[in-house]
């Protein structure tokens, strides 16, 4: 179960808090793949690649959310 953060956003404490919550979960995941026959390095590299892809997709989605598309207008500039 994931615990809610206690620390304020955008602080070093919050970053450390998140790391402390993630470490055992990621450690268990690495152990599961290692027991299945992957090396620890393979698992960590694979996780890094997946996380990078997810980050890029997330940033792309955020930038698209920020793009405002103007409403179509029936007003045409007057001809000189």
C-alpha atoms as a PDB file:
ATOM      1  CA  UNK A   1       0.000   0.000   0.000  1.00  0.00           C
ATOM      2  CA  UNK A   2       1.317   3.431  -0.917  1.00  0.00           C
ATOM      3  CA  UNK A   3       1.395   5.944   1.903  1.00  0.00           C
ATOM      4  CA  UNK A   4       0.426   9.566   1.369  1.00  0.00           C
ATOM      5  CA  UNK A   5       3.280  12.066   1.535  1.00  0.00           C
ATOM      6  CA  UNK A   6       3.831  13.931   4.782  1.00  0.00           C
ATOM      7  CA  UNK A   7       6.354  16.509   3.560  1.00  0.00           C
ATOM      8  CA  UNK A   8       5.534  19.679   1.658  1.00  0.00           C
ATOM      9  CA  UNK A   9       5.761  19.568  -2.164  1.00  0.00           C
ATOM     10  CA  UNK A  10       9.032  20.568  -3.844  1.00  0.00           C
ATOM     11  CA  UNK A  11      11.217  19.982  -0.786  1.00  0.00           C
ATOM     12  CA  UNK A  12      14.252  17.795  -0.204  1.00  0.00           C
ATOM     13  CA  UNK A  13      12.363  16.042   2.589  1.00  0.00           C
ATOM     14  CA  UNK A  14       9.570  15.048   0.222  1.00  0.00           C
ATOM     15  CA  UNK A  15      12.080  13.728  -2.325  1.00  0.00           C
ATOM     16  CA  UNK A  16      13.797  11.652   0.370  1.00  0.00           C
ATOM     17  CA  UNK A  17      10.441  10.465   1.681  1.00  0.00           C
ATOM     18  CA  UNK A  18       9.471   9.220  -1.780  1.00  0.00           C
ATOM     19  CA  UNK A  19      12.805   7.443  -2.194  1.00  0.00           C
ATOM     20  CA  UNK A  20      12.306   5.703   1.144  1.00  0.00           C
ATOM     21  CA  UNK A  21       8.871   4.479   0.020  1.00  0.00           C
ATOM     22  CA  UNK A  22      10.082   3.384  -3.419  1.00  0.00           C
ATOM     23  CA  UNK A  23      13.257   1.579  -2.311  1.00  0.00           C
ATOM     24  CA  UNK A  24      11.691  -1.583  -0.832  1.00  0.00           C
ATOM     25  CA  UNK A  25       9.147  -1.845  -3.658  1.00  0.00           C
ATOM     26  CA  UNK A  26      11.797  -1.517  -6.356  1.00  0.00           C
ATOM     27  CA  UNK A  27      14.113  -3.838  -4.425  1.00  0.00           C
ATOM     28  CA  UNK A  28      11.431  -6.542  -4.396  1.00  0.00           C
ATOM     29  CA  UNK A  29      10.819  -6.045  -8.117  1.00  0.00           C
ATOM     30  CA  UNK A  30      14.534  -6.348  -8.889  1.00  0.00           C
ATOM     31  CA  UNK A  31      14.723  -9.503  -6.758  1.00  0.00           C
ATOM     32  CA  UNK A  32      11.774 -11.082  -8.608  1.00  0.00           C
ATOM     33  CA  UNK A  33      13.380 -10.519 -12.012  1.00  0.00           C
ATOM     34  CA  UNK A  34      16.785 -11.645 -10.737  1.00  0.00           C
ATOM     35  CA  UNK A  35      15.269 -14.886  -9.469  1.00  0.00           C
ATOM     36  CA  UNK A  36      13.716 -15.355 -12.927  1.00  0.00           C
ATOM     37  CA  UNK A  37      17.174 -15.206 -14.500  1.00  0.00           C
ATOM     38  CA  UNK A  38      17.892 -11.564 -15.333  1.00  0.00           C
ATOM     39  CA  UNK A  39      20.980  -9.867 -13.941  1.00  0.00           C
ATOM     40  CA  UNK A  40      20.495  -6.981 -11.554  1.00  0.00           C
ATOM     41  CA  UNK A  41      22.130  -4.689 -14.111  1.00  0.00           C
ATOM     42  CA  UNK A  42      19.690  -5.804 -16.816  1.00  0.00           C
ATOM     43  CA  UNK A  43      16.714  -5.182 -14.560  1.00  0.00           C
ATOM     44  CA  UNK A  44      17.892  -1.743 -13.461  1.00  0.00           C
ATOM     45  CA  UNK A  45      18.715  -0.735 -17.035  1.00  0.00           C
ATOM     46  CA  UNK A  46      15.320  -1.969 -18.204  1.00  0.00           C
ATOM     47  CA  UNK A  47      13.593  -0.068 -15.410  1.00  0.00           C
ATOM     48  CA  UNK A  48      15.541   3.067 -16.308  1.00  0.00           C
ATOM     49  CA  UNK A  49      14.441   2.794 -19.942  1.00  0.00           C
ATOM     50  CA  UNK A  50      10.796   2.230 -19.020  1.00  0.00           C
ATOM     51  CA  UNK A  51      10.849   5.125 -16.550  1.00  0.00           C
ATOM     52  CA  UNK A  52      12.473   7.435 -19.106  1.00  0.00           C
ATOM     53  CA  UNK A  53       9.826   6.548 -21.694  1.00  0.00           C
ATOM     54  CA  UNK A  54       7.055   7.169 -19.172  1.00  0.00           C
ATOM     55  CA  UNK A  55       8.588  10.503 -18.179  1.00  0.00           C
ATOM     56  CA  UNK A  56       8.835  11.653 -21.790  1.00  0.00           C
ATOM     57  CA  UNK A  57       5.220  10.628 -22.436  1.00  0.00           C
ATOM     58  CA  UNK A  58       4.105  12.429 -19.280  1.00  0.00           C
ATOM     59  CA  UNK A  59       5.956  15.615 -20.234  1.00  0.00           C
ATOM     60  CA  UNK A  60       4.546  15.425 -23.754  1.00  0.00           C
ATOM     61  CA  UNK A  61       1.013  15.086 -22.378  1.00  0.00           C
ATOM     62  CA  UNK A  62       1.576  18.000 -20.013  1.00  0.00           C
ATOM     63  CA  UNK A  63       2.818  20.217 -22.819  1.00  0.00           C
ATOM     64  CA  UNK A  64      -0.213  19.311 -24.938  1.00  0.00           C
ATOM     65  CA  UNK A  65      -2.500  20.162 -22.032  1.00  0.00           C
ATOM     66  CA  UNK A  66      -0.903  23.612 -21.861  1.00  0.00           C
ATOM     67  CA  UNK A  67      -1.443  24.324 -25.557  1.00  0.00           C
ATOM     68  CA  UNK A  68      -4.509  26.421 -25.933  1.00  0.00           C
ATOM     69  CA  UNK A  69      -6.276  26.170 -29.227  1.00  0.00           C
ATOM     70  CA  UNK A  70      -8.121  29.370 -30.043  1.00  0.00           C
ATOM     71  CA  UNK A  71     -11.796  29.118 -30.790  1.00  0.00           C
ATOM     72  CA  UNK A  72     -12.669  29.516 -34.474  1.00  0.00           C
ATOM     73  CA  UNK A  73     -13.795  33.003 -35.287  1.00  0.00           C
ATOM     74  CA  UNK A  74     -16.143  34.343 -37.943  1.00  0.00           C
ATOM     75  CA  UNK A  75     -14.518  37.745 -37.727  1.00  0.00           C
ATOM     76  CA  UNK A  76     -12.365  38.483 -40.750  1.00  0.00           C
ATOM     77  CA  UNK A  77      -9.979  41.398 -40.943  1.00  0.00           C
ATOM     78  CA  UNK A  78     -11.348  44.233 -43.082  1.00  0.00           C
ATOM     79  CA  UNK A  79      -9.823  44.530 -46.538  1.00  0.00           C
ATOM     80  CA  UNK A  80      -7.993  47.758 -47.193  1.00  0.00           C
END
